[in-house]
N, C-alpha and C. Protein backbone atom coordinates (compact mmCIF):
# COMPACT_ATOMS: atom_id res chain seq x y z
N MET A 1 -1.75 -7.62 -126.39
CA MET A 1 -0.43 -7.07 -127.49
C MET A 1 -1.34 -6.49 -128.62
N ALA A 2 -0.21 -5.74 -129.06
CA ALA A 2 -0.69 -4.86 -130.24
C ALA A 2 -0.02 -5.65 -131.37
N THR A 3 -0.58 -5.22 -132.67
CA THR A 3 0.22 -5.70 -133.94
C THR A 3 0.46 -4.53 -134.85
N ARG A 4 1.50 -4.57 -135.56
CA ARG A 4 1.86 -3.51 -136.49
C ARG A 4 2.05 -4.35 -137.67
N THR A 5 1.83 -3.61 -138.75
CA THR A 5 2.30 -4.20 -140.21
C THR A 5 3.28 -3.59 -140.75
N MET A 6 4.31 -4.39 -140.96
CA MET A 6 5.67 -4.02 -141.44
C MET A 6 5.88 -4.48 -143.01
N TYR A 7 6.64 -3.70 -143.72
CA TYR A 7 6.94 -4.27 -145.02
C TYR A 7 8.44 -4.63 -145.27
N ASP A 8 8.87 -5.35 -146.15
CA ASP A 8 10.22 -5.41 -146.62
C ASP A 8 10.83 -4.36 -147.15
N GLU A 9 12.04 -4.62 -147.66
CA GLU A 9 12.68 -3.41 -148.13
C GLU A 9 12.12 -3.09 -149.40
N ASN A 10 11.65 -3.76 -150.27
CA ASN A 10 10.86 -3.10 -151.65
C ASN A 10 9.63 -2.62 -151.38
N GLY A 11 9.11 -2.56 -149.89
CA GLY A 11 7.57 -2.46 -149.76
C GLY A 11 6.83 -3.07 -150.00
N GLU A 12 6.90 -4.23 -150.36
CA GLU A 12 6.04 -5.27 -150.58
C GLU A 12 6.01 -6.23 -149.67
N ASN A 13 5.27 -7.19 -149.72
CA ASN A 13 5.10 -8.28 -148.74
C ASN A 13 4.99 -7.79 -147.29
N PRO A 14 3.76 -7.64 -147.05
CA PRO A 14 3.61 -7.24 -145.35
C PRO A 14 3.77 -8.27 -144.48
N VAL A 15 4.12 -7.98 -143.31
CA VAL A 15 4.40 -9.03 -142.28
C VAL A 15 3.71 -8.15 -141.03
N GLU A 16 2.77 -8.70 -140.22
CA GLU A 16 2.37 -8.32 -138.95
C GLU A 16 3.13 -8.70 -138.04
N VAL A 17 3.73 -7.78 -136.90
CA VAL A 17 4.71 -8.09 -136.06
C VAL A 17 3.81 -7.62 -134.79
N GLU A 18 3.98 -8.61 -133.75
CA GLU A 18 3.45 -8.50 -132.48
C GLU A 18 4.16 -7.80 -131.43
N PHE A 19 3.81 -6.77 -130.70
CA PHE A 19 4.74 -6.25 -129.72
C PHE A 19 3.69 -5.98 -128.57
N GLN A 20 4.51 -5.76 -127.28
CA GLN A 20 3.59 -5.53 -126.19
C GLN A 20 3.36 -4.08 -126.13
N ASP A 21 2.13 -3.79 -125.53
CA ASP A 21 1.67 -2.32 -125.44
C ASP A 21 2.54 -1.68 -124.37
N GLY A 22 2.62 -0.19 -124.94
CA GLY A 22 3.71 0.37 -123.87
C GLY A 22 5.14 0.28 -124.32
N GLN A 23 5.59 -0.71 -125.18
CA GLN A 23 7.00 -0.99 -125.37
C GLN A 23 7.52 0.27 -126.14
N ASN A 24 8.50 0.74 -125.93
CA ASN A 24 9.25 1.79 -126.40
C ASN A 24 9.63 1.55 -127.76
N ASP A 25 9.39 2.78 -128.61
CA ASP A 25 9.76 2.69 -130.13
C ASP A 25 11.27 3.07 -129.85
N ASN A 26 11.84 2.24 -130.99
CA ASN A 26 13.29 2.79 -131.13
C ASN A 26 13.17 4.00 -132.05
N GLY A 27 13.04 4.92 -131.68
CA GLY A 27 12.61 6.38 -132.61
C GLY A 27 13.87 6.99 -132.47
N PRO A 28 14.04 8.04 -132.94
CA PRO A 28 15.32 8.84 -133.00
C PRO A 28 15.57 9.40 -131.52
N ALA A 29 14.61 9.81 -130.83
CA ALA A 29 14.90 10.37 -129.38
C ALA A 29 15.27 9.23 -128.66
N GLU A 30 14.93 8.01 -128.62
CA GLU A 30 15.52 6.79 -127.81
C GLU A 30 16.98 6.47 -128.43
N LEU A 31 17.21 6.85 -129.80
CA LEU A 31 18.61 6.43 -130.22
C LEU A 31 19.49 7.30 -129.52
N ARG A 32 18.98 8.76 -129.56
CA ARG A 32 19.81 9.92 -129.16
C ARG A 32 20.31 9.67 -127.63
N LYS A 33 19.30 9.10 -127.04
CA LYS A 33 19.39 8.83 -125.37
C LYS A 33 20.47 7.73 -125.11
N ALA A 34 20.36 6.75 -125.80
CA ALA A 34 21.22 5.61 -125.93
C ALA A 34 22.75 5.95 -126.18
N LEU A 35 22.97 7.03 -127.60
CA LEU A 35 24.02 7.29 -128.29
C LEU A 35 24.76 8.35 -126.70
N LYS A 36 23.82 8.97 -126.29
CA LYS A 36 24.48 9.93 -125.02
C LYS A 36 25.02 8.92 -123.85
N LYS A 37 24.23 8.09 -123.68
CA LYS A 37 24.63 7.12 -122.55
C LYS A 37 25.96 6.41 -122.87
N GLU A 38 26.29 5.81 -123.95
CA GLU A 38 27.20 5.03 -124.53
C GLU A 38 28.50 6.04 -124.74
N LYS A 39 28.33 7.31 -125.10
CA LYS A 39 29.35 8.52 -125.04
C LYS A 39 29.97 8.81 -123.62
N THR A 40 29.11 8.58 -122.80
CA THR A 40 29.51 8.79 -121.28
C THR A 40 30.15 7.73 -120.84
N GLU A 41 29.60 6.58 -121.14
CA GLU A 41 30.49 5.17 -120.54
C GLU A 41 31.80 5.29 -121.01
N ARG A 42 31.77 5.37 -122.43
CA ARG A 42 33.25 5.38 -123.16
C ARG A 42 34.12 6.39 -122.59
N GLU A 43 33.67 7.50 -122.24
CA GLU A 43 34.47 8.72 -121.67
C GLU A 43 35.13 8.30 -120.23
N ASN A 44 34.26 7.65 -119.41
CA ASN A 44 34.55 7.12 -117.96
C ASN A 44 35.56 6.08 -118.37
N ASP A 45 35.38 5.07 -119.25
CA ASP A 45 36.45 4.02 -119.47
C ASP A 45 37.47 4.50 -120.15
N ALA A 46 37.81 5.31 -120.81
CA ALA A 46 38.84 6.12 -121.42
C ALA A 46 39.84 6.87 -120.10
N LYS A 47 38.96 7.43 -119.12
CA LYS A 47 39.55 8.08 -118.02
C LYS A 47 40.33 7.10 -117.27
N GLU A 48 39.53 5.75 -116.87
CA GLU A 48 40.24 4.97 -116.07
C GLU A 48 41.28 4.07 -116.68
N LEU A 49 41.13 3.73 -118.13
CA LEU A 49 42.30 3.44 -118.70
C LEU A 49 43.35 4.42 -118.48
N ALA A 50 43.40 5.45 -118.78
CA ALA A 50 44.40 6.47 -118.67
C ALA A 50 45.08 6.67 -117.26
N THR A 51 44.16 6.55 -116.16
CA THR A 51 44.43 6.29 -114.74
C THR A 51 45.31 5.04 -114.72
N LEU A 52 44.79 3.93 -115.00
CA LEU A 52 45.52 2.69 -114.86
C LEU A 52 46.77 2.71 -115.57
N ARG A 53 46.95 2.89 -116.69
CA ARG A 53 48.19 3.17 -117.49
C ARG A 53 49.15 3.92 -116.67
N ALA A 54 48.92 5.07 -116.29
CA ALA A 54 49.82 6.24 -115.68
C ALA A 54 50.37 5.36 -114.30
N GLU A 55 49.23 4.62 -113.37
CA GLU A 55 50.00 4.04 -112.22
C GLU A 55 50.66 2.76 -112.64
N LEU A 56 50.55 1.88 -113.63
CA LEU A 56 51.37 0.99 -114.10
C LEU A 56 52.71 1.55 -114.48
N ARG A 57 52.88 2.39 -115.30
CA ARG A 57 54.24 3.20 -115.74
C ARG A 57 54.70 3.67 -114.60
N ALA A 58 54.17 4.40 -113.65
CA ALA A 58 54.96 4.81 -112.29
C ALA A 58 55.39 3.62 -111.60
N ARG A 59 54.93 2.60 -111.45
CA ARG A 59 55.18 1.42 -110.61
C ARG A 59 56.43 0.93 -111.46
N SER A 60 56.15 0.69 -112.76
CA SER A 60 57.32 0.24 -113.29
C SER A 60 58.45 0.76 -113.34
N VAL A 61 58.39 2.22 -113.47
CA VAL A 61 59.73 3.15 -113.25
C VAL A 61 60.30 3.01 -112.01
N LYS A 62 59.40 2.93 -111.03
CA LYS A 62 59.65 2.86 -109.57
C LYS A 62 60.63 1.55 -109.53
N ASP A 63 60.08 0.60 -109.78
CA ASP A 63 60.42 -0.67 -109.60
C ASP A 63 61.85 -0.90 -110.37
N VAL A 64 62.23 -0.26 -111.71
CA VAL A 64 63.30 -0.47 -112.36
C VAL A 64 64.37 0.48 -111.86
N LEU A 65 64.17 1.55 -111.30
CA LEU A 65 64.97 2.39 -110.39
C LEU A 65 65.57 2.05 -109.27
N GLU A 66 64.75 1.16 -108.45
CA GLU A 66 65.17 0.54 -107.37
C GLU A 66 66.12 -0.51 -107.51
N SER A 67 65.63 -1.40 -108.57
CA SER A 67 66.55 -2.45 -108.92
C SER A 67 67.95 -2.00 -109.57
N LYS A 68 68.12 -0.70 -109.95
CA LYS A 68 69.35 -0.31 -110.46
C LYS A 68 69.92 0.76 -109.70
N GLY A 69 69.43 0.71 -108.46
CA GLY A 69 69.85 1.69 -107.51
C GLY A 69 69.98 3.39 -107.67
N VAL A 70 69.09 3.62 -108.65
CA VAL A 70 68.87 5.02 -109.08
C VAL A 70 68.07 5.82 -107.99
N PRO A 71 68.28 6.65 -107.75
CA PRO A 71 67.20 7.79 -106.71
C PRO A 71 65.97 7.75 -107.66
N ASN A 72 64.67 7.96 -106.86
CA ASN A 72 63.53 8.12 -107.37
C ASN A 72 63.42 9.40 -108.11
N LYS A 73 64.23 10.53 -107.65
CA LYS A 73 63.88 11.65 -108.28
C LYS A 73 64.10 11.53 -109.82
N VAL A 74 64.87 10.75 -110.34
CA VAL A 74 65.28 10.64 -112.00
C VAL A 74 63.81 10.30 -112.76
N ALA A 75 62.76 9.83 -111.93
CA ALA A 75 61.74 9.38 -112.73
C ALA A 75 60.99 10.49 -113.48
N LYS A 76 60.95 11.84 -112.85
CA LYS A 76 60.30 12.90 -113.54
C LYS A 76 61.03 13.37 -114.47
N PHE A 77 62.33 12.77 -115.05
CA PHE A 77 62.92 13.30 -116.27
C PHE A 77 62.76 12.23 -117.29
N ILE A 78 62.32 11.12 -116.88
CA ILE A 78 62.05 9.97 -117.99
C ILE A 78 60.80 10.24 -118.82
N PRO A 79 60.97 10.32 -120.19
CA PRO A 79 59.82 10.57 -121.35
C PRO A 79 58.57 9.74 -121.02
N ALA A 80 57.45 10.47 -121.33
CA ALA A 80 56.22 9.67 -120.97
C ALA A 80 55.98 8.45 -122.02
N ASP A 81 56.85 8.34 -123.12
CA ASP A 81 56.82 7.45 -124.21
C ASP A 81 57.45 5.99 -123.78
N VAL A 82 58.44 6.47 -122.64
CA VAL A 82 59.17 5.27 -122.22
C VAL A 82 58.33 4.43 -121.05
N THR A 83 57.71 3.29 -121.39
CA THR A 83 56.77 2.76 -120.37
C THR A 83 57.49 1.20 -119.91
N THR A 84 57.71 0.54 -120.71
CA THR A 84 58.08 -0.92 -120.49
C THR A 84 59.36 -0.59 -119.67
N SER A 85 59.72 -1.94 -118.83
CA SER A 85 60.88 -1.88 -118.02
C SER A 85 62.01 -1.88 -119.03
N GLU A 86 62.06 -2.71 -119.99
CA GLU A 86 63.21 -2.65 -121.08
C GLU A 86 63.64 -1.45 -121.34
N GLN A 87 62.65 -0.74 -121.90
CA GLN A 87 62.67 0.61 -122.46
C GLN A 87 63.37 1.63 -121.22
N ILE A 88 62.69 1.57 -120.06
CA ILE A 88 63.26 2.08 -118.91
C ILE A 88 64.69 1.96 -118.72
N ASP A 89 65.08 0.63 -118.70
CA ASP A 89 66.36 0.26 -118.62
C ASP A 89 67.36 0.88 -119.75
N GLN A 90 67.05 0.81 -120.65
CA GLN A 90 67.72 1.41 -122.04
C GLN A 90 67.89 2.56 -121.72
N TRP A 91 66.73 3.51 -121.59
CA TRP A 91 67.03 4.78 -121.15
C TRP A 91 68.04 5.33 -120.13
N LEU A 92 67.95 4.41 -119.04
CA LEU A 92 68.67 4.88 -117.90
C LEU A 92 70.11 4.55 -118.32
N THR A 93 70.39 3.54 -119.18
CA THR A 93 71.92 3.40 -119.84
C THR A 93 72.33 4.40 -120.51
N GLU A 94 71.49 4.88 -121.37
CA GLU A 94 71.87 5.80 -122.39
C GLU A 94 72.04 7.02 -121.96
N ASN A 95 71.51 7.23 -120.78
CA ASN A 95 71.13 8.90 -119.83
C ASN A 95 72.11 8.82 -118.78
N ALA A 96 72.70 7.58 -118.11
CA ALA A 96 73.31 7.62 -116.86
C ALA A 96 74.54 8.78 -116.93
N GLU A 97 75.21 8.79 -117.71
CA GLU A 97 76.21 9.82 -118.05
C GLU A 97 75.69 11.50 -117.40
N VAL A 98 74.55 11.71 -118.47
CA VAL A 98 73.88 12.91 -118.09
C VAL A 98 73.49 13.02 -116.43
N PHE A 99 73.26 12.02 -115.75
CA PHE A 99 72.73 12.19 -114.16
C PHE A 99 73.97 11.82 -113.30
N ASN A 100 75.14 11.61 -113.74
CA ASN A 100 76.32 11.02 -113.24
C ASN A 100 75.94 9.99 -112.20
N LEU A 101 75.45 8.66 -112.98
CA LEU A 101 74.76 7.77 -112.33
C LEU A 101 75.69 6.48 -112.62
N THR A 102 75.96 5.58 -111.69
CA THR A 102 76.39 4.28 -111.99
C THR A 102 75.44 3.38 -112.03
N VAL A 103 75.03 2.89 -112.87
CA VAL A 103 73.81 1.95 -113.14
C VAL A 103 74.30 0.41 -113.03
N VAL A 104 73.55 0.19 -111.68
CA VAL A 104 73.90 -1.37 -111.35
C VAL A 104 73.27 -2.23 -112.42
N LYS A 105 73.87 -3.42 -112.69
CA LYS A 105 73.34 -4.18 -113.68
C LYS A 105 72.23 -5.14 -113.03
N SER A 106 71.37 -5.40 -113.82
CA SER A 106 70.03 -6.15 -113.43
C SER A 106 70.32 -7.66 -113.26
N GLU A 107 69.66 -8.27 -112.34
CA GLU A 107 70.30 -9.93 -112.06
C GLU A 107 70.23 -10.75 -113.32
N ALA A 108 69.18 -10.04 -114.65
CA ALA A 108 69.63 -10.74 -115.70
C ALA A 108 70.75 -10.48 -116.48
N ASP A 109 71.53 -9.59 -116.12
CA ASP A 109 72.52 -8.93 -116.68
C ASP A 109 73.79 -9.81 -115.88
N THR A 110 73.76 -9.90 -114.55
CA THR A 110 74.88 -10.33 -113.92
C THR A 110 74.72 -12.04 -113.89
N LYS A 111 73.76 -12.74 -114.58
CA LYS A 111 73.81 -14.10 -114.57
C LYS A 111 75.21 -14.82 -115.09
N PRO A 112 75.72 -15.74 -114.56
CA PRO A 112 77.04 -16.08 -115.25
C PRO A 112 76.56 -16.88 -116.47
N ASN A 113 77.44 -16.74 -117.49
CA ASN A 113 77.42 -17.89 -118.51
C ASN A 113 77.59 -19.09 -118.22
N GLN A 114 77.01 -20.16 -118.84
CA GLN A 114 77.02 -21.64 -118.51
C GLN A 114 78.47 -22.10 -118.81
N GLU A 115 79.02 -21.67 -120.17
CA GLU A 115 80.17 -22.19 -120.38
C GLU A 115 81.18 -21.62 -119.56
N ASN A 116 81.31 -20.48 -119.13
CA ASN A 116 82.34 -19.89 -118.35
C ASN A 116 81.87 -20.72 -116.78
N VAL A 117 80.78 -20.99 -116.30
CA VAL A 117 80.65 -22.11 -115.07
C VAL A 117 81.37 -23.19 -115.24
N ASP A 118 81.38 -23.87 -116.36
CA ASP A 118 81.61 -25.21 -116.70
C ASP A 118 82.99 -25.02 -116.67
N ASN A 119 83.74 -24.20 -117.45
CA ASN A 119 85.27 -23.86 -117.33
C ASN A 119 85.85 -23.72 -115.96
N GLN A 120 85.35 -22.91 -115.14
CA GLN A 120 85.47 -22.84 -113.95
C GLN A 120 85.57 -24.17 -112.96
N LYS A 121 84.38 -24.73 -113.08
CA LYS A 121 84.59 -26.05 -112.26
C LYS A 121 85.73 -26.91 -112.81
N ARG A 122 85.84 -27.02 -114.29
CA ARG A 122 86.92 -27.76 -114.76
C ARG A 122 88.37 -27.35 -114.17
N ILE A 123 88.53 -26.11 -114.03
CA ILE A 123 90.01 -25.69 -113.44
C ILE A 123 89.96 -25.83 -112.01
N THR A 124 89.00 -25.75 -111.18
CA THR A 124 88.73 -26.03 -109.89
C THR A 124 88.96 -27.51 -109.63
N ASN A 125 88.40 -28.36 -110.40
CA ASN A 125 88.46 -29.91 -110.27
C ASN A 125 90.26 -30.37 -110.56
N ALA A 126 90.63 -29.66 -111.46
CA ALA A 126 92.00 -29.93 -112.01
C ALA A 126 93.11 -29.46 -110.81
N THR A 127 92.46 -28.34 -110.15
CA THR A 127 93.81 -27.85 -109.32
C THR A 127 93.46 -28.56 -107.74
N GLU A 128 92.47 -29.03 -107.22
CA GLU A 128 92.14 -29.96 -106.42
C GLU A 128 92.69 -31.20 -106.26
N SER A 129 92.64 -31.90 -107.47
CA SER A 129 93.44 -33.37 -107.97
C SER A 129 94.98 -33.24 -108.02
N ALA A 130 95.41 -31.77 -108.12
CA ALA A 130 96.76 -31.75 -108.73
C ALA A 130 97.80 -31.97 -107.51
N ILE A 131 98.91 -32.59 -107.77
CA ILE A 131 100.14 -32.61 -106.84
C ILE A 131 100.64 -31.60 -106.17
N PRO A 132 100.68 -31.36 -105.12
CA PRO A 132 100.93 -30.05 -104.61
C PRO A 132 102.50 -29.63 -104.87
N VAL A 133 102.94 -28.64 -105.19
CA VAL A 133 104.17 -28.01 -105.53
C VAL A 133 105.55 -28.63 -104.49
N THR A 134 105.24 -28.41 -103.49
CA THR A 134 106.29 -29.11 -102.43
C THR A 134 106.01 -30.81 -102.73
N LYS A 135 105.20 -31.32 -102.84
CA LYS A 135 105.42 -32.69 -102.89
C LYS A 135 105.82 -33.16 -104.21
N ALA A 136 105.84 -32.40 -105.34
CA ALA A 136 106.21 -32.66 -106.72
C ALA A 136 107.81 -32.44 -106.49
N THR A 137 108.31 -31.30 -105.85
CA THR A 137 109.66 -31.17 -105.85
C THR A 137 110.36 -32.66 -104.76
N ASP A 138 109.51 -32.95 -103.83
CA ASP A 138 110.11 -33.98 -102.95
C ASP A 138 110.30 -35.26 -104.16
N ILE A 139 109.21 -35.53 -104.94
CA ILE A 139 109.27 -36.66 -106.00
C ILE A 139 110.50 -36.52 -106.78
N MET A 140 110.51 -35.21 -107.23
CA MET A 140 111.54 -35.01 -108.26
C MET A 140 113.04 -35.27 -107.58
N ALA A 141 113.20 -34.86 -106.31
CA ALA A 141 114.47 -35.19 -105.63
C ALA A 141 114.65 -36.43 -105.48
N LYS A 142 113.60 -37.31 -105.11
CA LYS A 142 113.67 -38.71 -105.03
C LYS A 142 114.14 -39.51 -106.42
N LEU A 143 113.65 -39.06 -107.50
CA LEU A 143 113.82 -39.68 -108.89
C LEU A 143 115.62 -39.41 -109.22
N LEU A 144 115.69 -38.24 -108.93
CA LEU A 144 116.92 -37.79 -109.54
C LEU A 144 118.19 -38.41 -108.72
N ASN A 145 117.78 -38.84 -107.13
CA ASN A 145 118.89 -39.22 -106.24
C ASN A 145 119.34 -40.57 -106.77
N PRO A 146 120.69 -40.72 -107.00
CA PRO A 146 121.22 -42.37 -107.27
C PRO A 146 121.16 -43.04 -106.02
N ASN A 147 120.78 -42.51 -104.77
CA ASN A 147 120.85 -43.79 -103.80
C ASN A 147 119.37 -44.21 -103.50
N THR A 148 118.47 -43.71 -104.14
CA THR A 148 116.96 -44.19 -104.21
C THR A 148 116.88 -45.67 -104.54
N SER A 149 116.22 -46.52 -103.31
CA SER A 149 116.21 -47.85 -103.58
C SER A 149 115.16 -48.32 -104.53
N ARG A 150 115.07 -49.50 -105.24
CA ARG A 150 114.14 -49.97 -106.20
C ARG A 150 112.92 -49.92 -105.51
N VAL A 151 112.78 -50.12 -104.43
CA VAL A 151 111.55 -50.31 -103.60
C VAL A 151 110.63 -48.87 -103.81
N GLU A 152 111.60 -47.71 -103.36
CA GLU A 152 111.10 -46.48 -103.32
C GLU A 152 110.81 -45.88 -104.55
N LEU A 153 111.43 -46.29 -105.66
CA LEU A 153 111.14 -46.02 -107.02
C LEU A 153 109.87 -46.43 -107.49
N GLU A 154 109.65 -48.03 -107.23
CA GLU A 154 108.35 -48.34 -107.37
C GLU A 154 106.97 -47.80 -106.54
N ALA A 155 107.34 -47.40 -105.31
CA ALA A 155 106.29 -46.79 -104.79
C ALA A 155 105.82 -45.72 -105.26
N LEU A 156 107.07 -44.79 -105.90
CA LEU A 156 106.59 -43.48 -106.35
C LEU A 156 105.89 -43.88 -107.77
N ARG A 157 106.39 -44.99 -108.38
CA ARG A 157 105.49 -45.15 -109.60
C ARG A 157 104.22 -45.77 -109.46
N GLY A 158 103.96 -46.25 -108.18
CA GLY A 158 102.44 -46.63 -107.78
C GLY A 158 102.46 -47.95 -107.74
N GLY A 159 103.67 -48.70 -107.72
CA GLY A 159 103.82 -49.94 -107.73
C GLY A 159 103.31 -50.96 -109.09
N GLU A 160 103.36 -50.05 -110.04
CA GLU A 160 103.15 -50.78 -111.26
C GLU A 160 104.52 -51.48 -111.97
N GLU A 161 104.29 -52.52 -112.46
CA GLU A 161 105.81 -53.08 -113.21
C GLU A 161 105.31 -52.94 -114.80
N THR A 162 106.39 -52.31 -115.31
CA THR A 162 106.24 -51.88 -116.74
C THR A 162 106.67 -53.11 -117.47
N GLN A 163 106.00 -53.62 -118.71
CA GLN A 163 106.05 -54.52 -119.34
C GLN A 163 107.50 -53.89 -120.43
N GLY A 164 108.39 -55.04 -120.81
CA GLY A 164 109.29 -54.80 -121.80
C GLY A 164 110.55 -53.74 -121.37
N VAL A 165 110.53 -53.62 -120.17
CA VAL A 165 111.80 -52.94 -119.66
C VAL A 165 112.65 -54.03 -118.86
N GLY A 166 113.65 -54.14 -119.17
CA GLY A 166 114.75 -55.04 -118.62
C GLY A 166 115.35 -54.57 -117.25
N ARG A 167 115.86 -55.39 -116.52
CA ARG A 167 116.44 -55.06 -115.23
C ARG A 167 117.79 -54.41 -115.39
N ILE A 168 118.44 -53.40 -114.93
CA ILE A 168 119.58 -53.07 -114.94
C ILE A 168 120.32 -53.52 -113.90
N ARG A 169 121.46 -53.95 -114.38
CA ARG A 169 122.38 -54.78 -113.39
C ARG A 169 123.47 -53.56 -113.06
N ARG A 170 123.96 -53.75 -111.81
CA ARG A 170 125.01 -52.78 -111.45
C ARG A 170 126.38 -53.51 -111.05
């Protein structure tokens, strides 16, 4: 091992540092080599990132176009700055008239509103438990018929006896 004497910032206080023989100095030549290597790696990474972004955008555009039922040929007219599926969807909606397209709503747009679903269920339940029109007319005819017996009237009412109502004598 070799030793070298180094000084602090003020040029005072010498310190002896040990290093292995043959160890490279980090001189200017080595720094230039390292810088060149880092620049090359960075350029390669930038190219790979650009390629991946382009593939991701192409896939996103293709998926949105397929979900909307739009021909894939329209993809070449979509600007490069439109990348996310929401942006593509918005662009298609805005430009559908230009391409004479009828844009199909996505699944998220066609989901029913929960309030509407609840209202529909209530309507369905009410109509299922309602008295059919033909039966209602039969009941009304029996109620209006003066020859209907008391037993039949009680059966129509469900057999309940009302309180406070006196008997009518004939």
